[in-house]
Protein backbone atom coordinates (compact mmCIF):
# COMPACT_ATOMS: atom_id res chain seq x y z
CA MET A 1 -108.35 59.12 82.15
CA SER A 2 -107.13 56.09 80.18
CA GLN A 3 -106.23 56.00 76.49
CA LYS A 4 -109.11 53.50 76.12
CA PHE A 5 -111.55 56.19 77.25
CA TYR A 6 -110.39 58.56 74.53
CA ARG A 7 -110.62 55.85 71.89
CA ARG A 8 -114.25 55.14 72.89
CA ALA A 9 -115.04 58.85 72.89
CA ALA A 10 -113.43 59.27 69.48
CA GLY A 11 -115.58 56.52 68.06
CA SER A 12 -118.71 58.47 68.93
CA LEU A 13 -117.57 61.71 67.34
CA GLY A 14 -117.67 60.71 63.69
CA PRO A 15 -115.63 63.30 61.75
CA LEU A 16 -113.45 64.04 64.77
CA ARG A 17 -112.20 60.46 64.97
CA ALA A 18 -109.10 61.10 62.89
CA VAL A 19 -108.24 64.25 64.81
CA THR A 20 -108.62 62.55 68.15
CA SER A 21 -106.55 59.60 66.99
CA PHE A 22 -103.79 61.97 66.02
CA LEU A 23 -103.95 63.64 69.41
CA GLN A 24 -103.62 60.24 71.04
CA ILE A 25 -100.48 59.60 69.04
CA VAL A 26 -98.91 62.84 70.27
CA ASN A 27 -99.96 61.94 73.84
CA TYR A 28 -102.60 64.68 73.91
CA PRO A 29 -103.93 64.40 77.50
CA ARG A 30 -100.51 64.88 79.12
CA TRP A 31 -99.50 67.50 76.57
CA ALA A 32 -102.68 69.48 77.13
CA ALA A 33 -102.32 69.32 80.90
CA ARG A 34 -98.99 71.16 80.59
CA LEU A 35 -100.40 73.97 78.47
CA PHE A 36 -101.97 76.19 81.05
CA SER A 37 -100.74 78.12 84.01
CA GLY A 38 -102.10 80.56 86.58
CA GLU A 39 -105.85 81.05 86.73
CA MET A 40 -106.38 79.47 83.33
CA SER A 41 -104.54 76.39 84.56
CA ARG A 42 -106.79 75.98 87.57
CA GLN A 43 -109.92 76.51 85.50
CA THR A 44 -108.92 74.34 82.58
CA ASN A 45 -107.04 71.37 83.99
CA ALA A 46 -109.94 70.36 86.22
CA GLN A 47 -112.16 70.08 83.16
CA LEU A 48 -109.58 69.02 80.59
CA ALA A 49 -110.11 65.27 80.63
CA PRO A 50 -113.89 65.21 80.05
CA ALA A 51 -113.59 68.10 77.56
CA ALA A 52 -110.78 66.50 75.56
CA ALA A 53 -113.01 64.38 73.37
CA ALA A 54 -115.55 67.17 72.84
CA ASP A 55 -112.93 69.82 72.07
CA PRO A 56 -109.78 68.03 70.90
CA LEU A 57 -108.41 71.16 69.19
CA LEU A 58 -108.99 73.38 72.24
CA ALA A 59 -111.02 75.66 69.99
CA SER A 60 -113.61 76.57 72.62
CA LEU A 61 -111.41 77.69 75.47
CA ALA A 62 -112.58 80.82 77.23
CA LEU A 63 -110.73 84.02 76.35
CA PRO A 64 -111.83 86.36 79.14
CA CYS A 65 -109.39 89.21 78.43
CA LYS A 66 -110.67 91.42 75.61
CA ALA A 67 -109.96 94.91 74.32
CA GLU A 68 -110.04 96.99 71.16
CA PHE A 69 -107.08 98.99 69.88
CA TYR A 70 -106.69 101.43 66.99
CA PRO A 71 -103.38 101.17 65.12
CA HIS A 72 -103.45 103.92 62.47
CA GLY A 73 -107.02 104.53 63.65
CA PHE A 74 -108.39 101.17 62.43
CA PRO A 75 -110.22 98.95 64.97
CA VAL A 76 -108.48 95.74 66.04
CA SER A 77 -110.28 93.40 68.45
CA ILE A 78 -108.01 91.24 70.64
CA ALA A 79 -109.16 88.34 72.83
CA THR A 80 -106.81 86.28 74.99
CA ASN A 81 -106.47 84.22 78.14
CA SER A 82 -103.55 86.34 79.37
CA PRO A 83 -103.60 89.97 80.57
CA ALA A 84 -99.95 90.19 79.46
CA VAL A 85 -101.09 90.10 75.82
CA LEU A 86 -103.29 93.15 76.32
CA GLU A 87 -100.46 94.90 78.18
CA ALA A 88 -98.21 94.29 75.17
CA ALA A 89 -100.89 95.63 72.83
CA ASP A 90 -101.22 98.72 74.99
CA LYS A 91 -97.49 99.37 74.60
CA SER A 92 -97.91 99.28 70.85
CA TRP A 93 -101.16 101.18 70.40
CA GLY A 94 -102.40 102.47 73.75
CA GLY A 95 -103.92 105.94 73.56
CA LEU A 96 -104.62 105.83 69.80
CA ARG A 97 -108.15 106.77 68.80
CA LYS A 98 -110.53 105.26 66.28
CA ARG A 99 -110.46 107.22 63.03
CA PHE A 100 -111.93 104.82 60.47
CA ASP A 101 -115.40 103.32 60.69
CA GLU A 102 -114.47 99.82 59.56
CA ARG A 103 -115.34 96.36 60.84
CA PRO A 104 -112.65 95.33 63.34
CA VAL A 105 -110.09 92.76 62.34
CA GLU A 106 -110.03 90.01 64.95
CA ILE A 107 -107.06 88.47 66.76
CA ARG A 108 -107.15 85.66 69.31
CA CYS A 109 -103.97 84.90 71.21
CA LEU A 110 -103.74 81.93 73.59
CA VAL A 111 -100.86 81.66 76.02
CA SER A 112 -99.61 78.32 77.37
CA ARG A 113 -96.99 77.40 79.94
CA GLY A 114 -94.72 75.69 77.43
CA SER A 115 -91.92 73.21 77.98
CA SER A 116 -89.06 75.75 77.97
CA ARG A 117 -88.33 79.11 79.53
CA ARG A 118 -86.23 80.09 76.54
CA CYS A 119 -87.49 82.31 73.76
CA PRO A 120 -87.65 80.45 70.43
CA PRO A 121 -86.01 81.54 67.18
CA SER A 122 -87.80 84.00 64.92
CA PRO A 123 -90.83 82.49 63.17
CA VAL A 124 -90.64 81.04 59.68
CA VAL A 125 -93.51 82.60 57.70
CA ARG A 126 -95.20 81.22 54.59
CA ALA A 127 -98.42 82.01 52.71
CA GLN A 128 -100.69 80.43 50.13
CA SER A 129 -103.88 82.00 48.79
CA ASN A 130 -105.67 83.69 51.71
CA LEU A 131 -103.75 81.89 54.49
CA LEU A 132 -100.51 82.95 56.16
CA ALA A 133 -98.77 80.87 58.82
CA GLY A 134 -95.77 81.49 61.04
CA VAL A 135 -94.04 78.85 63.18
CA ALA A 136 -91.41 79.42 65.87
CA GLY A 137 -90.41 76.07 67.30
CA ARG A 138 -92.91 73.37 68.22
CA GLU A 139 -95.08 75.40 70.62
CA ASN A 140 -95.44 78.86 69.05
CA PHE A 141 -97.38 79.54 65.89
CA GLN A 142 -99.80 81.94 64.25
CA CYS A 143 -102.27 81.71 61.39
CA CYS A 144 -103.91 84.60 59.52
CA ASP A 145 -106.89 84.50 57.20
CA LEU A 146 -106.04 87.49 55.02
CA GLU A 147 -109.44 87.58 53.33
CA LYS A 148 -111.60 87.41 56.44
CA GLY A 149 -109.44 89.63 58.64
CA PHE A 150 -109.01 86.98 61.35
CA ALA A 151 -105.89 85.60 63.02
CA PHE A 152 -105.03 83.40 65.98
CA ALA A 153 -101.86 82.35 67.74
CA TRP A 154 -100.68 79.93 70.40
CA VAL A 155 -97.58 81.15 72.22
CA THR A 156 -95.77 80.20 75.40
CA GLU A 157 -95.31 82.32 78.50
CA ALA A 158 -91.61 82.63 77.64
CA VAL A 159 -92.53 84.37 74.38
CA VAL A 160 -94.99 86.78 75.98
CA GLU A 161 -92.51 87.65 78.72
CA ASN A 162 -90.04 88.74 76.02
CA THR A 163 -92.29 91.66 75.19
CA ASP A 164 -90.32 93.10 72.27
CA PHE A 165 -90.03 89.68 70.61
CA PHE A 166 -93.71 88.93 71.14
CA ARG A 167 -94.87 92.29 69.84
CA TYR A 168 -92.64 92.30 66.79
CA HIS A 169 -93.01 88.69 65.64
CA PHE A 170 -96.55 87.84 66.76
CA LEU A 171 -98.88 90.59 67.94
CA GLU A 172 -97.82 93.37 65.59
CA ALA A 173 -97.06 90.94 62.76
CA MET A 174 -100.60 89.53 62.80
CA THR A 175 -102.15 92.96 63.15
CA TRP A 176 -100.26 94.57 60.28
CA CYS A 177 -100.79 91.55 58.02
CA LEU A 178 -104.55 91.85 58.50
CA LEU A 179 -104.70 95.63 58.22
CA ASP A 180 -102.43 95.63 55.19
CA THR A 181 -104.55 93.12 53.31
CA LYS A 182 -107.85 94.72 54.36
CA HIS A 183 -107.25 98.47 54.35
CA LEU A 184 -103.66 99.60 53.74
CA VAL A 185 -100.57 99.41 51.55
CA SER A 186 -97.28 99.23 53.46
CA ILE A 187 -94.49 101.38 52.05
CA HIS A 188 -90.86 101.09 53.22
CA ALA A 189 -90.35 104.84 53.60
CA ALA A 190 -90.19 107.66 56.11
CA CYS A 191 -92.73 110.46 55.84
CA VAL A 192 -92.25 114.17 56.60
CA ALA A 193 -94.01 117.33 55.47
CA LEU A 194 -93.10 120.97 54.91
CA ASP A 195 -95.60 123.77 54.35
CA GLY A 196 -98.36 121.15 54.31
CA ARG A 197 -96.76 119.18 51.48
CA GLY A 198 -95.88 115.58 52.31
CA MET A 199 -92.78 113.72 51.21
CA LEU A 200 -91.85 110.03 51.35
CA LEU A 201 -88.16 109.24 51.88
CA ALA A 202 -87.79 105.77 50.39
CA GLY A 203 -84.93 103.30 50.26
CA ASN A 204 -83.54 100.03 51.50
CA SER A 205 -82.70 99.34 55.14
CA GLY A 206 -79.63 101.25 56.26
CA VAL A 207 -79.87 103.98 53.60
CA GLY A 208 -80.59 106.64 56.23
CA LYS A 209 -84.36 107.20 56.16
CA SER A 210 -84.71 107.69 59.93
CA SER A 211 -81.68 109.98 60.20
CA LEU A 212 -82.79 112.18 57.31
CA ALA A 213 -86.37 112.31 58.61
CA TYR A 214 -85.08 113.47 62.00
CA ALA A 215 -82.74 116.00 60.36
CA CYS A 216 -85.76 117.39 58.52
CA ALA A 217 -87.81 117.50 61.73
CA ARG A 218 -85.02 119.45 63.49
CA ARG A 219 -85.33 122.04 60.73
CA GLY A 220 -89.07 122.54 61.22
CA TRP A 221 -90.60 119.84 59.07
CA THR A 222 -93.58 117.89 60.45
CA TYR A 223 -92.75 114.27 61.25
CA THR A 224 -95.11 111.35 60.49
CA SER A 225 -92.98 108.19 60.31
CA ASP A 226 -89.33 107.16 60.23
CA ASP A 227 -89.27 103.83 58.41
CA ALA A 228 -92.71 102.36 57.74
CA THR A 229 -95.54 104.33 56.17
CA SER A 230 -99.00 103.06 55.22
CA LEU A 231 -101.11 104.25 52.32
CA VAL A 232 -104.89 104.26 52.82
CA ARG A 233 -105.89 101.88 50.05
CA ARG A 234 -109.42 103.00 49.23
CA ASP A 235 -108.72 106.70 49.63
CA ARG A 236 -108.91 108.38 46.24
CA GLY A 237 -106.04 110.69 47.13
CA ARG A 238 -102.57 109.94 48.48
CA THR A 239 -103.07 109.82 52.25
CA ALA A 240 -100.12 108.36 54.16
CA LEU A 241 -100.35 107.20 57.79
CA GLY A 242 -97.49 106.70 60.22
CA ASN A 243 -96.42 106.37 63.83
CA PRO A 244 -95.12 109.81 64.87
CA ARG A 245 -94.72 108.80 68.51
CA VAL A 246 -91.22 107.41 68.15
CA PHE A 247 -87.93 107.67 66.26
CA ARG A 248 -85.78 104.56 65.85
CA PHE A 249 -82.10 104.97 65.06
CA ARG A 250 -79.07 102.78 64.63
CA GLY A 251 -76.64 102.68 67.51
CA THR A 252 -74.45 105.36 65.88
CA ALA A 253 -77.11 108.07 66.14
CA GLY A 254 -75.07 109.94 68.76
CA GLU A 255 -72.35 110.53 66.16
CA LEU A 256 -74.85 112.34 63.92
CA PHE A 257 -76.96 114.09 66.55
CA PRO A 258 -75.20 115.27 69.76
CA GLU A 259 -78.47 115.23 71.71
CA PHE A 260 -78.41 111.43 71.50
CA SER A 261 -74.83 111.01 72.73
CA GLY A 262 -74.80 108.49 75.54
CA PHE A 263 -78.07 106.87 74.47
CA ARG A 264 -77.68 103.11 74.51
CA GLY A 265 -79.34 100.94 71.92
CA ARG A 266 -81.15 97.71 72.68
CA ARG A 267 -82.08 94.84 70.45
CA ARG A 268 -85.59 95.04 69.05
CA GLY A 269 -87.72 92.00 68.37
CA ASN A 270 -86.03 91.70 64.97
CA GLY A 271 -82.62 91.44 66.64
CA LYS A 272 -81.31 94.77 65.37
CA PRO A 273 -79.66 97.09 67.94
CA THR A 274 -81.80 100.22 68.02
CA ILE A 275 -81.96 103.52 69.85
CA GLU A 276 -85.63 104.32 70.40
CA VAL A 277 -86.58 107.90 71.24
CA SER A 278 -90.13 108.99 72.05
CA THR A 279 -91.14 112.24 70.37
CA SER A 280 -92.69 113.24 73.70
CA MET A 281 -89.08 113.79 74.81
CA LEU A 282 -88.50 116.14 71.84
CA PRO A 283 -90.86 119.09 72.39
CA ALA A 284 -89.45 121.05 69.47
CA ILE A 285 -90.45 118.33 67.00
CA ARG A 286 -93.81 118.79 65.29
CA THR A 287 -95.73 115.60 64.56
CA ALA A 288 -98.80 114.49 62.63
CA ALA A 289 -100.36 111.05 62.21
CA GLU A 290 -100.96 111.54 58.49
CA ALA A 291 -99.80 113.51 55.48
CA HIS A 292 -100.81 114.01 51.86
CA VAL A 293 -97.98 112.76 49.67
CA ASP A 294 -96.82 115.31 47.09
CA PHE A 295 -93.26 114.03 46.60
CA ILE A 296 -91.45 110.70 46.72
CA VAL A 297 -87.66 110.82 47.06
CA PHE A 298 -85.49 107.70 46.71
CA LEU A 299 -82.34 108.00 48.79
CA ASN A 300 -78.98 107.03 47.30
CA ARG A 301 -75.84 107.55 49.35
CA ARG A 302 -73.80 104.88 47.61
CA ASP A 303 -73.42 106.79 44.31
CA ALA A 304 -73.07 110.25 45.86
CA VAL A 305 -69.92 112.31 45.33
CA GLU A 306 -68.31 113.59 48.53
CA GLY A 307 -69.23 117.21 49.17
CA SER A 308 -72.05 117.33 46.61
CA VAL A 309 -75.77 116.73 46.51
CA GLU A 310 -77.77 115.85 43.42
CA LEU A 311 -81.47 115.51 42.59
CA ARG A 312 -82.54 113.41 39.63
CA PRO A 313 -86.01 112.65 38.22
CA VAL A 314 -87.24 109.06 38.47
CA PHE A 315 -89.57 107.33 36.00
CA LYS A 316 -92.84 105.78 37.21
CA VAL A 317 -92.01 102.23 36.13
CA GLU A 318 -88.75 102.28 38.04
CA ALA A 319 -90.38 103.87 41.07
CA ALA A 320 -93.18 101.26 41.22
CA ASN A 321 -90.70 98.39 41.46
CA LEU A 322 -88.67 100.18 44.13
CA LEU A 323 -91.64 101.28 46.20
CA TRP A 324 -93.95 98.28 46.23
CA PRO A 325 -92.49 94.77 45.85
CA GLY A 326 -95.94 93.15 46.16
CA VAL A 327 -95.40 90.47 48.80
CA TRP A 328 -98.95 89.07 49.12
CA PRO A 329 -100.27 85.99 47.29
CA PRO A 330 -101.60 87.09 43.89
CA GLU A 331 -104.97 85.37 44.45
CA LEU A 332 -105.96 87.96 47.08
CA LYS A 333 -108.56 90.46 45.93
CA SER A 334 -106.69 93.13 47.85
CA VAL A 335 -103.70 92.89 45.51
CA ARG A 336 -105.59 94.65 42.72
CA GLU A 337 -106.65 97.42 45.10
CA GLU A 338 -103.08 97.78 46.37
CA ARG A 339 -101.72 98.05 42.83
CA ALA A 340 -104.29 100.76 42.01
CA ALA A 341 -103.40 102.68 45.18
CA VAL A 342 -99.70 102.55 44.34
CA GLU A 343 -100.48 103.84 40.83
CA ARG A 344 -102.25 106.82 42.40
CA LEU A 345 -99.33 107.34 44.75
CA LEU A 346 -96.95 107.52 41.79
CA ASP A 347 -98.78 110.60 40.53
CA ALA A 348 -96.63 112.42 43.10
CA GLU A 349 -93.39 114.03 41.89
CA LEU A 350 -90.56 111.48 41.87
CA PHE A 351 -86.87 112.12 42.53
CA GLU A 352 -83.64 110.38 43.47
CA LEU A 353 -81.46 112.17 45.99
CA ARG A 354 -77.73 111.45 46.03
CA TYR A 355 -76.10 112.86 49.14
CA ARG A 356 -73.59 112.35 51.91
CA GLU A 357 -74.16 115.23 54.35
CA LEU A 358 -77.49 115.55 56.15
CA ASP A 359 -77.70 119.35 56.17
CA ALA A 360 -77.06 119.52 52.42
CA ALA A 361 -79.71 116.84 51.87
CA VAL A 362 -82.31 118.81 53.88
CA ASP A 363 -81.46 121.93 51.86
CA ALA A 364 -82.10 119.94 48.68
CA LEU A 365 -85.44 118.62 49.94
CA GLU A 366 -86.54 122.12 50.94
CA SER A 367 -85.67 123.29 47.42
CA VAL A 368 -88.00 120.61 46.03
CA VAL A 369 -90.93 121.68 48.19
CA ARG A 370 -90.40 125.41 47.72
CA ARG A 371 -89.45 125.16 44.05
CA ARG A 372 -85.88 126.33 44.45
CA PHE A 373 -84.24 123.47 42.59
CA ILE A 374 -80.53 123.11 42.98
């Protein structure tokens, strides 16, 4: 079709004139013809020219692949034009059951052929009010409406084929953004429990949350999460949810735990080398998808004295700043609910643990739970 055809069509579309003019400038017909591959390509390219004026933003394309998943038990509806997207979602949340009777958050993910077979750099993410956007190069982007619980993304085949990158930066990122602003509060902490009493192990990246959580689990504690824990926002108690199906360690895990000697790390979607171990391979480890939080322990190895372990009380004001940085735009209604949930969480007993040796640290944590303070 000629450019003249699109100009005539644009003139008949009223409000869409400016959009169509823009698409002409960026050479829309040829650009759009390169978007699709496989079955979608055959279905779409044949109809693309006459549909271009009527749907210049490609907002009405069919998304025949649909499924519902249940991260942390909350329903997430995913629609896409690529089975590979659903396969990636199944790797993240396959087998999880619905536990919360909430309206599903909705994600649409469209996959295009793209102009490069290379994976782009990590997305740059920004937010204002209820909208969050992430852009990775010129052909990969996502947009989340944090109030409505809706997100969509356009990504290239090269991104989807790099499954870890796609899951981490797009699929899981959109999902957790929506769930966090609708139902949860994300806490940077591991979660374990002893004698039915839950404990968060909080601290910055690299402080040893995963290693200490695993050391606890080896000693009979129940394992819920190793790095990221979610608080159920509208629960009047202190219910924490996690992913007990996997441990993720730094590449030096074999030096701490002989059973992981010889395990080779691989780079996750965030670029960090990681040893990932499924708890299904660790039959002695007890797991649970949730725990009631009775204690919060902030880990501090930097100020520890070699050969000693020390527990110190922590004040609520200090703990709030350490535990919940409050990343979302302040206009969101959910921010008030999140702040209230964190206030309830801080009714747990609060400690700082200074330690160097894992066994001594687990002894100290057991003394907290069983009231044998050191």
